[in-house]
């Protein structure tokens, strides 16, 4: 049972890292290279689409990591899993406090109603997102290390 939980947790967090890495280093660059209206509309659509799925994915990752930490408390690597779970909690806190407020504004913008500083707000979101990706990579690395 524990090994199944370990594998599922590692896969779910690994996929989360992959998606967020792709958003940071691929999708944002593609969208930022488009003309203003297309760029802004693409960011808004991405914010709406991922904004619906990511809360479940982030909370699910925390629950899985915490479950692994509890179930494997007496096993080697428990400290790594607890630290990874803490980093996943940090990523949720960062999301709620820093990224979600910008995303909630961005996903409602159109070329007709976007604020003059819309690009600056998106660049701020991207900077916060880079930090969040680093936190997620660290959590994933700890989970993989705990497996070995």
Protein backbone atom coordinates (compact mmCIF):
# COMPACT_ATOMS: atom_id res chain seq x y z
CA UNK A 1 0.00 0.00 0.00
CA UNK A 2 2.77 2.46 0.93
CA UNK A 3 4.66 1.81 -2.28
CA UNK A 4 1.52 2.55 -4.32
CA UNK A 5 1.03 5.80 -2.41
CA UNK A 6 4.67 6.72 -3.00
CA UNK A 7 4.41 6.08 -6.73
CA UNK A 8 1.10 7.92 -7.14
CA UNK A 9 2.38 10.90 -5.15
CA UNK A 10 5.61 11.09 -7.13
CA UNK A 11 3.80 10.85 -10.46
CA UNK A 12 1.14 13.44 -9.53
CA UNK A 13 3.73 15.93 -8.22
CA UNK A 14 6.03 15.20 -11.17
CA UNK A 15 3.26 15.96 -13.65
CA UNK A 16 2.44 19.15 -11.73
CA UNK A 17 6.07 20.23 -11.98
CA UNK A 18 6.09 19.45 -15.70
CA UNK A 19 2.98 21.48 -16.42
CA UNK A 20 4.12 24.46 -14.35
CA UNK A 21 7.60 24.30 -15.89
CA UNK A 22 6.04 24.31 -19.37
CA UNK A 23 3.86 27.29 -18.45
CA UNK A 24 6.90 29.20 -17.17
CA UNK A 25 9.42 28.44 -19.87
CA UNK A 26 7.39 27.58 -22.96
CA UNK A 27 3.81 28.88 -22.93
CA UNK A 28 4.56 32.28 -21.42
CA UNK A 29 7.31 32.91 -23.98
CA UNK A 30 5.03 31.89 -26.84
CA UNK A 31 2.16 34.07 -25.59
CA UNK A 32 4.46 37.03 -24.86
CA UNK A 33 5.77 36.93 -28.44
CA UNK A 34 2.29 37.40 -29.92
CA UNK A 35 0.82 40.82 -30.76
CA UNK A 36 -0.73 42.61 -27.76
CA UNK A 37 -4.38 41.60 -28.28
CA UNK A 38 -3.55 37.96 -29.04
CA UNK A 39 -1.04 37.79 -26.20
CA UNK A 40 -3.47 39.18 -23.67
CA UNK A 41 -6.34 36.99 -24.87
CA UNK A 42 -4.10 33.91 -24.74
CA UNK A 43 -2.99 34.69 -21.20
CA UNK A 44 -6.60 35.25 -20.14
CA UNK A 45 -7.73 31.96 -21.69
CA UNK A 46 -4.84 30.08 -20.07
CA UNK A 47 -5.69 31.67 -16.74
CA UNK A 48 -9.30 30.55 -17.01
CA UNK A 49 -8.44 27.03 -18.17
CA UNK A 50 -5.65 26.24 -15.71
CA UNK A 51 -7.32 28.23 -12.95
CA UNK A 52 -10.06 25.62 -12.82
CA UNK A 53 -7.78 22.56 -12.63
CA UNK A 54 -4.80 23.70 -10.59
CA UNK A 55 -6.47 24.12 -7.17
CA UNK A 56 -7.43 20.45 -7.18
CA UNK A 57 -3.99 19.41 -8.40
CA UNK A 58 -2.13 21.48 -5.80
CA UNK A 59 -4.33 20.42 -2.88
CA UNK A 60 -4.27 16.81 -4.09
CA UNK A 61 -0.47 16.91 -4.14
CA UNK A 62 -0.37 18.22 -0.58
CA UNK A 63 -2.82 15.55 0.60
CA UNK A 64 -0.86 12.78 -1.13
CA UNK A 65 2.49 13.96 0.28
CA UNK A 66 1.04 14.35 3.77
CA UNK A 67 -0.51 10.87 3.53
CA UNK A 68 2.85 9.44 2.48
CA UNK A 69 4.54 11.23 5.41
CA UNK A 70 2.04 9.77 7.88
CA UNK A 71 1.99 6.27 6.38
CA UNK A 72 5.76 6.09 6.09
CA UNK A 73 6.63 7.87 9.32
CA UNK A 74 8.85 5.04 10.55
CA UNK A 75 10.54 4.47 7.19
CA UNK A 76 13.74 6.05 6.01
CA UNK A 77 13.20 9.26 4.13
CA UNK A 78 10.22 10.41 6.20
CA UNK A 79 11.96 13.71 6.92
CA UNK A 80 12.39 14.30 3.19
CA UNK A 81 8.70 13.64 2.58
CA UNK A 82 7.65 15.95 5.43
CA UNK A 83 9.90 18.68 3.99
CA UNK A 84 8.46 18.08 0.51
CA UNK A 85 4.93 18.33 1.91
CA UNK A 86 5.93 21.60 3.60
CA UNK A 87 7.22 22.94 0.29
CA UNK A 88 3.99 21.93 -1.42
CA UNK A 89 2.06 23.79 1.28
CA UNK A 90 4.32 26.80 0.66
CA UNK A 91 3.49 26.61 -3.06
CA UNK A 92 -0.24 26.68 -2.22
CA UNK A 93 0.24 29.68 0.08
CA UNK A 94 2.27 31.47 -2.60
CA UNK A 95 -0.43 30.71 -5.13
CA UNK A 96 -3.26 32.02 -2.98
CA UNK A 97 -1.46 35.15 -1.79
CA UNK A 98 0.58 36.15 -4.84
CA UNK A 99 -0.46 34.46 -8.06
CA UNK A 100 -4.23 33.88 -7.84
CA UNK A 101 -5.11 37.56 -7.30
CA UNK A 102 -3.25 38.53 -10.50
CA UNK A 103 -4.71 35.56 -12.39
CA UNK A 104 -8.25 36.40 -11.25
CA UNK A 105 -7.88 39.88 -12.72
CA UNK A 106 -6.14 38.66 -15.88
CA UNK A 107 -8.72 36.05 -16.80
CA UNK A 108 -11.46 38.69 -17.07
CA UNK A 109 -9.51 41.10 -19.27
CA UNK A 110 -10.29 41.71 -22.91
CA UNK A 111 -8.58 44.13 -25.31
CA UNK A 112 -11.37 46.59 -24.49
CA UNK A 113 -11.18 46.50 -20.68
CA UNK A 114 -7.59 45.57 -19.82
CA UNK A 115 -5.68 48.04 -17.66
CA UNK A 116 -2.80 50.05 -19.06
CA UNK A 117 -0.31 48.09 -16.93
CA UNK A 118 -1.55 44.64 -17.95
CA UNK A 119 1.87 43.53 -19.23
CA UNK A 120 3.57 44.60 -15.99
CA UNK A 121 1.01 42.65 -13.97
CA UNK A 122 1.62 39.54 -16.10
CA UNK A 123 5.39 39.94 -15.74
CA UNK A 124 4.95 40.13 -11.96
CA UNK A 125 2.88 36.93 -12.11
CA UNK A 126 5.65 35.29 -14.15
CA UNK A 127 8.33 36.27 -11.60
CA UNK A 128 6.27 34.80 -8.77
CA UNK A 129 5.61 31.73 -10.90
CA UNK A 130 9.36 31.14 -11.44
CA UNK A 131 9.82 31.04 -7.67
CA UNK A 132 6.85 28.70 -7.30
CA UNK A 133 8.30 26.38 -9.96
CA UNK A 134 11.60 26.29 -8.06
CA UNK A 135 9.72 25.35 -4.87
CA UNK A 136 7.84 22.61 -6.74
CA UNK A 137 11.04 21.24 -8.26
CA UNK A 138 12.61 21.12 -4.80
CA UNK A 139 9.58 19.25 -3.41
CA UNK A 140 9.63 16.79 -6.29
CA UNK A 141 13.37 16.21 -5.87
CA UNK A 142 12.86 15.44 -2.18
CA UNK A 143 10.07 12.97 -2.97
CA UNK A 144 12.20 11.17 -5.55
CA UNK A 145 15.14 11.13 -3.14
CA UNK A 146 12.91 9.64 -0.43
CA UNK A 147 12.13 6.75 -2.75
CA UNK A 148 15.78 5.68 -2.92
